[in-house]
Amino acid sequence: MSPDIIDVEVVNLAPSRRGGARPGAGRKTADYIKPDEVVDFEKAKARKETALADLHELDYKVKSGQYVSRASVRQASATALATLVQGMRSISDNLERRGVPPEVCVQVEAIINAGLADIARDLELMSGGE
């Protein structure tokens, strides 16, 4: 063995995985303009995120009771209207029991029925015939 020390340089031929000059790597320059594809993708991604956020908000409001289903509102409205109509149709009977002449009660009943028919027609127009 020779007492001389030999300088050996170790060369790594494997590609570096810790950075280096790669195309598109690093911070963009101040005058960098995004390609149209990137801009379109970012807009689509933002729309998707907004839609998802809206869906989550709606789901939260339904679960917390702030919003109710359309079917529930229709059912409650139908029940309330049926009660109101029943009360209005009993007016002529109540008047007759209190001594109002029967011919007047018949006129009152006809007026109430005509009014209810108008209301039913208007409600059907508002609901679109559903």
Protein backbone atom coordinates (compact mmCIF):
# COMPACT_ATOMS: atom_id res chain seq x y z
CA MET A 1 0.00 0.00 0.00
CA SER A 2 1.21 3.33 -0.96
CA PRO A 3 1.13 6.14 1.55
CA ASP A 4 -0.03 8.51 -1.20
CA ILE A 5 -3.66 9.57 -0.98
CA ILE A 6 -5.52 9.67 -4.23
CA ASP A 7 -8.22 12.28 -4.78
CA VAL A 8 -11.33 10.64 -6.16
CA GLU A 9 -14.33 12.63 -7.32
CA VAL A 10 -17.62 10.81 -6.93
CA VAL A 11 -19.99 11.48 -9.77
CA ASN A 12 -23.65 10.60 -9.41
CA LEU A 13 -25.11 9.76 -12.79
CA ALA A 14 -28.70 9.39 -11.53
CA PRO A 15 -30.99 12.37 -12.21
CA SER A 16 -31.53 14.68 -9.28
CA ARG A 17 -34.90 14.55 -7.58
CA ARG A 18 -34.40 17.63 -5.49
CA GLY A 19 -34.96 20.40 -7.96
CA GLY A 20 -32.99 21.81 -10.75
CA ALA A 21 -33.85 23.47 -13.98
CA ARG A 22 -37.11 21.88 -15.13
CA PRO A 23 -39.45 23.52 -17.61
CA GLY A 24 -42.21 25.42 -15.79
CA ALA A 25 -40.67 24.93 -12.35
CA GLY A 26 -40.36 27.71 -9.83
CA ARG A 27 -42.04 31.05 -9.39
CA LYS A 28 -43.55 32.62 -12.50
CA THR A 29 -42.16 35.90 -13.74
CA ALA A 30 -44.14 39.09 -13.35
CA ASP A 31 -44.98 39.23 -17.07
CA TYR A 32 -46.18 35.59 -17.20
CA ILE A 33 -49.52 35.16 -18.98
CA LYS A 34 -51.48 32.01 -18.30
CA PRO A 35 -52.47 29.96 -21.34
CA ASP A 36 -56.18 29.97 -22.25
CA GLU A 37 -56.50 26.31 -21.27
CA VAL A 38 -55.31 27.07 -17.75
CA VAL A 39 -57.66 30.06 -17.44
CA ASP A 40 -60.62 27.99 -18.69
CA PHE A 41 -59.76 25.15 -16.30
CA GLU A 42 -59.51 27.53 -13.34
CA LYS A 43 -62.90 29.08 -14.20
CA ALA A 44 -64.52 25.65 -14.48
CA LYS A 45 -62.95 24.59 -11.18
CA ALA A 46 -64.25 27.76 -9.49
CA ARG A 47 -67.78 27.13 -10.85
CA LYS A 48 -67.65 23.57 -9.56
CA GLU A 49 -66.50 24.68 -6.12
CA THR A 50 -69.24 27.33 -5.99
CA ALA A 51 -71.88 24.78 -6.98
CA LEU A 52 -70.65 22.32 -4.33
CA ALA A 53 -70.68 25.05 -1.69
CA ASP A 54 -74.24 25.99 -2.66
CA LEU A 55 -75.35 22.35 -2.44
CA HIS A 56 -73.77 21.96 0.99
CA GLU A 57 -75.43 25.17 2.18
CA LEU A 58 -78.83 24.03 0.88
CA ASP A 59 -78.38 20.63 2.52
CA TYR A 60 -77.50 22.35 5.81
CA LYS A 61 -80.56 24.60 5.63
CA VAL A 62 -82.86 21.66 4.90
CA LYS A 63 -81.40 19.60 7.76
CA SER A 64 -81.55 22.53 10.18
CA GLY A 65 -85.20 23.20 9.31
CA GLN A 66 -84.69 26.59 7.67
CA TYR A 67 -85.95 25.18 4.37
CA VAL A 68 -88.76 22.70 3.92
CA SER A 69 -89.72 20.60 0.95
CA ARG A 70 -92.23 21.83 -1.60
CA ALA A 71 -94.39 18.77 -0.92
CA SER A 72 -94.60 19.63 2.79
CA VAL A 73 -95.65 23.20 2.01
CA ARG A 74 -98.30 22.00 -0.44
CA GLN A 75 -99.68 19.51 2.06
CA ALA A 76 -99.87 22.10 4.84
CA SER A 77 -101.45 24.65 2.49
CA ALA A 78 -104.02 22.14 1.25
CA THR A 79 -104.98 21.26 4.82
CA ALA A 80 -105.34 24.93 5.79
CA LEU A 81 -107.39 25.74 2.69
CA ALA A 82 -109.67 22.73 3.23
CA THR A 83 -110.36 23.89 6.78
CA LEU A 84 -111.12 27.41 5.54
CA VAL A 85 -113.43 26.18 2.78
CA GLN A 86 -115.29 23.91 5.20
CA GLY A 87 -115.84 26.86 7.54
CA MET A 88 -117.05 29.09 4.73
CA ARG A 89 -119.50 26.47 3.43
CA SER A 90 -121.01 26.12 6.89
CA ILE A 91 -121.84 29.85 7.09
CA SER A 92 -125.25 29.48 5.42
CA ASP A 93 -126.20 26.60 7.77
CA ASN A 94 -125.14 28.66 10.79
CA LEU A 95 -127.16 31.63 9.55
CA GLU A 96 -130.23 29.46 9.05
CA ARG A 97 -129.91 28.08 12.61
CA ARG A 98 -129.89 31.66 13.90
CA GLY A 99 -133.18 32.47 12.22
CA VAL A 100 -132.12 34.03 8.93
CA PRO A 101 -134.73 33.27 6.24
CA PRO A 102 -133.84 30.25 4.05
CA GLU A 103 -133.94 32.25 0.77
CA VAL A 104 -131.25 34.59 2.14
CA CYS A 105 -129.15 31.60 3.23
CA VAL A 106 -129.42 30.14 -0.28
CA GLN A 107 -128.17 33.46 -1.75
CA VAL A 108 -125.30 33.56 0.76
CA GLU A 109 -124.39 29.97 -0.10
CA ALA A 110 -124.41 30.77 -3.85
CA ILE A 111 -122.15 33.81 -3.31
CA ILE A 112 -119.72 31.77 -1.18
CA ASN A 113 -119.62 28.92 -3.74
CA ALA A 114 -118.97 31.38 -6.59
CA GLY A 115 -116.15 32.99 -4.61
CA LEU A 116 -114.61 29.61 -3.80
CA ALA A 117 -114.81 28.60 -7.46
CA ASP A 118 -112.96 31.81 -8.43
CA ILE A 119 -110.30 31.13 -5.83
CA ALA A 120 -109.90 27.52 -7.02
CA ARG A 121 -109.51 28.71 -10.62
CA ASP A 122 -106.89 31.30 -9.62
CA LEU A 123 -104.95 28.74 -7.57
CA GLU A 124 -104.95 26.34 -10.50
CA LEU A 125 -103.59 29.07 -12.78
CA MET A 126 -100.86 29.93 -10.25
CA SER A 127 -99.79 26.32 -9.86
CA GLY A 128 -99.61 25.78 -13.61
CA GLY A 129 -102.25 23.07 -13.51
CA GLU A 130 -100.08 20.66 -11.49
